[in-house]
Amino acid sequence: MTADSELFNRYGFYVDPKANKLEIKEAVESTYGVSVEKVRTMNYGPNRKTRYTKTGIQHGKTNALKKAIVDVAEGDIIDFYSNI
């Protein structure tokens, strides 16, 4: 994502799995003060794991994730490191 942000003005975010593209666009525009041209999303399912313990087989999983790649208008920049 660092190379994409430098070359193509794209930024990646982890978002709420229930959020749609319009909600993501409005949130990024209001938070960072930029104009968003395009939003692409990716849904990742949970990773399932099985462990063998002395109490038996334990099944578990991680949480599902959703990533958003946001294309920002030409000339706009999101600076994540300005508040550090």
C-alpha atoms as a PDB file:
ATOM      1  CA  MET A   1       0.000   0.000   0.000  1.00  0.00           C
ATOM      2  CA  THR A   2       2.926   2.365   0.507  1.00  0.00           C
ATOM      3  CA  ALA A   3       3.935   2.039  -3.139  1.00  0.00           C
ATOM      4  CA  ASP A   4       0.314   2.479  -4.267  1.00  0.00           C
ATOM      5  CA  SER A   5      -0.086   5.616  -2.168  1.00  0.00           C
ATOM      6  CA  GLU A   6       3.072   7.143  -3.616  1.00  0.00           C
ATOM      7  CA  LEU A   7       2.487   6.181  -7.245  1.00  0.00           C
ATOM      8  CA  PHE A   8      -1.286   6.073  -7.722  1.00  0.00           C
ATOM      9  CA  ASN A   9      -2.696   8.119  -4.788  1.00  0.00           C
ATOM     10  CA  ARG A  10      -4.435   5.044  -3.281  1.00  0.00           C
ATOM     11  CA  TYR A  11      -4.768   4.347   0.429  1.00  0.00           C
ATOM     12  CA  GLY A  12      -5.817   1.196   2.269  1.00  0.00           C
ATOM     13  CA  PHE A  13      -7.958   0.949   5.390  1.00  0.00           C
ATOM     14  CA  TYR A  14      -9.447  -1.766   7.545  1.00  0.00           C
ATOM     15  CA  VAL A  15     -13.164  -0.980   7.777  1.00  0.00           C
ATOM     16  CA  ASP A  16     -16.238  -2.356   9.496  1.00  0.00           C
ATOM     17  CA  PRO A  17     -17.368  -5.531   7.677  1.00  0.00           C
ATOM     18  CA  LYS A  18     -20.926  -4.145   7.478  1.00  0.00           C
ATOM     19  CA  ALA A  19     -19.916  -0.797   5.920  1.00  0.00           C
ATOM     20  CA  ASN A  20     -20.746  -0.166   2.273  1.00  0.00           C
ATOM     21  CA  LYS A  21     -18.783   1.888  -0.246  1.00  0.00           C
ATOM     22  CA  LEU A  22     -20.807   5.076   0.226  1.00  0.00           C
ATOM     23  CA  GLU A  23     -20.305   5.012   3.996  1.00  0.00           C
ATOM     24  CA  ILE A  24     -16.563   4.430   3.559  1.00  0.00           C
ATOM     25  CA  LYS A  25     -16.320   7.317   1.089  1.00  0.00           C
ATOM     26  CA  GLU A  26     -18.143   9.732   3.406  1.00  0.00           C
ATOM     27  CA  ALA A  27     -16.053   8.704   6.415  1.00  0.00           C
ATOM     28  CA  VAL A  28     -12.704   9.174   4.622  1.00  0.00           C
ATOM     29  CA  GLU A  29     -13.772  12.520   3.163  1.00  0.00           C
ATOM     30  CA  SER A  30     -14.939  13.884   6.506  1.00  0.00           C
ATOM     31  CA  THR A  31     -11.993  12.535   8.511  1.00  0.00           C
ATOM     32  CA  TYR A  32      -9.111  13.516   6.226  1.00  0.00           C
ATOM     33  CA  GLY A  33     -10.636  16.410   4.239  1.00  0.00           C
ATOM     34  CA  VAL A  34      -9.945  14.922   0.802  1.00  0.00           C
ATOM     35  CA  SER A  35     -12.193  14.106  -2.143  1.00  0.00           C
ATOM     36  CA  VAL A  36     -12.543  10.391  -2.893  1.00  0.00           C
ATOM     37  CA  GLU A  37     -12.927   9.264  -6.500  1.00  0.00           C
ATOM     38  CA  LYS A  38     -13.243   5.476  -6.141  1.00  0.00           C
ATOM     39  CA  VAL A  39     -13.636   2.889  -3.376  1.00  0.00           C
ATOM     40  CA  ARG A  40     -12.848  -0.808  -3.787  1.00  0.00           C
ATOM     41  CA  THR A  41     -13.499  -3.371  -1.042  1.00  0.00           C
ATOM     42  CA  MET A  42     -12.225  -6.843  -0.215  1.00  0.00           C
ATOM     43  CA  ASN A  43     -13.807  -9.269   2.226  1.00  0.00           C
ATOM     44  CA  TYR A  44     -11.590 -11.727   4.052  1.00  0.00           C
ATOM     45  CA  GLY A  45     -13.150 -14.685   5.829  1.00  0.00           C
ATOM     46  CA  PRO A  46     -11.996 -15.934   9.209  1.00  0.00           C
ATOM     47  CA  ASN A  47      -8.954 -18.167   9.554  1.00  0.00           C
ATOM     48  CA  ARG A  48      -9.924 -21.468  11.167  1.00  0.00           C
ATOM     49  CA  LYS A  49      -7.553 -23.328  13.466  1.00  0.00           C
ATOM     50  CA  THR A  50      -7.656 -26.671  15.252  1.00  0.00           C
ATOM     51  CA  ARG A  51      -5.529 -27.441  18.283  1.00  0.00           C
ATOM     52  CA  TYR A  52      -4.964 -30.757  20.027  1.00  0.00           C
ATOM     53  CA  THR A  53      -4.826 -30.334  23.800  1.00  0.00           C
ATOM     54  CA  LYS A  54      -5.031 -32.694  26.740  1.00  0.00           C
ATOM     55  CA  THR A  55      -8.712 -31.745  27.165  1.00  0.00           C
ATOM     56  CA  GLY A  56      -9.493 -32.679  23.565  1.00  0.00           C
ATOM     57  CA  ILE A  57      -9.695 -30.978  20.202  1.00  0.00           C
ATOM     58  CA  GLN A  58     -10.219 -27.209  20.351  1.00  0.00           C
ATOM     59  CA  HIS A  59     -11.672 -25.408  17.327  1.00  0.00           C
ATOM     60  CA  GLY A  60     -11.308 -21.667  16.881  1.00  0.00           C
ATOM     61  CA  LYS A  61     -11.366 -18.909  14.320  1.00  0.00           C
ATOM     62  CA  THR A  62     -10.299 -15.311  13.890  1.00  0.00           C
ATOM     63  CA  ASN A  63     -12.630 -12.447  13.041  1.00  0.00           C
ATOM     64  CA  ALA A  64     -13.656 -11.687   9.471  1.00  0.00           C
ATOM     65  CA  LEU A  65     -12.011  -8.589   7.986  1.00  0.00           C
ATOM     66  CA  LYS A  66     -12.908  -6.061   5.330  1.00  0.00           C
ATOM     67  CA  LYS A  67     -10.320  -3.890   3.585  1.00  0.00           C
ATOM     68  CA  ALA A  68     -11.030  -0.807   1.498  1.00  0.00           C
ATOM     69  CA  ILE A  69      -8.738   0.720  -1.106  1.00  0.00           C
ATOM     70  CA  VAL A  70      -9.604   4.375  -1.618  1.00  0.00           C
ATOM     71  CA  ASP A  71      -8.536   6.372  -4.689  1.00  0.00           C
ATOM     72  CA  VAL A  72      -8.063  10.036  -3.767  1.00  0.00           C
ATOM     73  CA  ALA A  73      -8.419  12.905  -6.254  1.00  0.00           C
ATOM     74  CA  GLU A  74      -5.334  14.262  -8.016  1.00  0.00           C
ATOM     75  CA  GLY A  75      -3.434  16.665  -5.780  1.00  0.00           C
ATOM     76  CA  ASP A  76      -4.999  15.477  -2.497  1.00  0.00           C
ATOM     77  CA  ILE A  77      -2.820  13.677   0.052  1.00  0.00           C
ATOM     78  CA  ILE A  78      -3.553  11.837   3.293  1.00  0.00           C
ATOM     79  CA  ASP A  79      -0.677  12.333   5.739  1.00  0.00           C
ATOM     80  CA  PHE A  80      -0.851   9.652   8.430  1.00  0.00           C
ATOM     81  CA  TYR A  81       2.368  10.742  10.150  1.00  0.00           C
ATOM     82  CA  SER A  82       1.590  14.424  10.752  1.00  0.00           C
ATOM     83  CA  ASN A  83       0.077  13.795  14.221  1.00  0.00           C
ATOM     84  CA  ILE A  84       3.064  11.851  15.600  1.00  0.00           C
END
